[in-house]
Amino acid sequence: MSDGQYADRDRSFALAQRAQELMRDYGPSATPRAYAVWYTYVSGDRPLMNDAIKRLTAQSEGLSPTDIDELYDTYLDGSRYAAAAGETGATMLAEIEGVMEMLDLSLGSAAQYGESLRALSLDLSVSTLNRARLREIVATLVATTREVASNNRTLEARMRESRTEVESLREKLEATRIESLTDPLTGLANRKHFEEMLQKALDGAARGAQPSLIVLDIDFFKRFNDLYGHLIGDQVLRLVAVVMRESVEKGAMLARFGGEEFGILLPNATRETARAIAEKVRISVMGRELMKRSTGESLGKVTISLGVATYRRGDNPVSLLERADLCMFAAKRSGRNRTLDDATTAELAAAVA
């Protein structure tokens, strides 16, 4: 086993021990769900969940089994998106079934009306038709027509209601879909969505586009968390996300991969354009001063290191991302707070050839 694997294992054991201590100190629940919640808490992988736990423990100095279930369902159980989609889909099917039933009734009413018209037409063709019979036929025709008109008005009203309901369901499904593809802390795309768009961008390269990818990582991010806590760390992540939105024009895909690593996917941009955008983001982040909201205390500057890779013939999502990562790590090794691209050095180019 390598030193890195030993380190990962030791860290996992340390996290597990701390999770067990927290389960004992903050609540009677020791279920697998409770362990998952506390293990995730000490790992820092779900900052929003950590915020929620801090609020709950500040209020009651502990977590009840109900609190554990709500935290697990809200932040850890990805099936809630599928459940929401399933529930909405079932409602949609029920609504469609109701519409089909109304259409069947309407078709039946129309068929019945047609039969009535044919029967009346035959009566009118009789040469011995007297005035009284003619009045009777006309009265029957008027009554039948009114009944059909009434049924059509009912159907029209029901169809309007169904259209409103279907539109509402469509909006709920879209909101669920967007939530499943969004990083909850920053509002940027999550890794799943980013990977989908990266594949789409490379598909576009086959049609003549030139995708470029920027990968950026916050320098000394762990120091912010260790010195000031996860709330300040979250503030740093949000700051970088805000700068990315302000610095990049529409059409780019902005994402948070996880931790302190972000990506900017430019579907059609030269290396020079991508590098200029990366530098714009870097300089803007460096120009912001991080403040502690509760006291107004200055916590210093935040810097980032960036790597830029531009599509080469034969690239796939993995190779393009690896090349951008290599550039970003090279930027860190060469002093941080800088941008390097995949044409900067022959060494980087050869490393991924």
Foldseek 3Di string as FASTA:
>chain_A
DDPVVVVVVVVLVVLQVQLVVQPVQAEDDDDPLSSVLSSCLVVVQQLVLVVVVVVVCVVVVHAYPVNSVVSCLPTPDPCVLVVLLVVLVVVLVVLVVVLVVLVVVLVVLVVVLVVLVVVLVVVVPDPPDDPVVVVVSVVVNVVSVVVSVVSVVVSVVSVVVSVVSVVVSVVSNVVSVQVSQADVLQRAGEQVVVQVVQQVLVVVVVVPAKKKKKKKFWPPLVVCCVPPNVVLSSVLQNLLSVLLVVLDDPQWGWYDHTDRMIMIMHSHDDQVVVQVSVLSSQVVQQPDWRADVVPRDTPGGIGMFMEMEMDDPPDGSVLNVVLRVVQRVVCVVVPGSYYDYCVRDPVSVVVSD
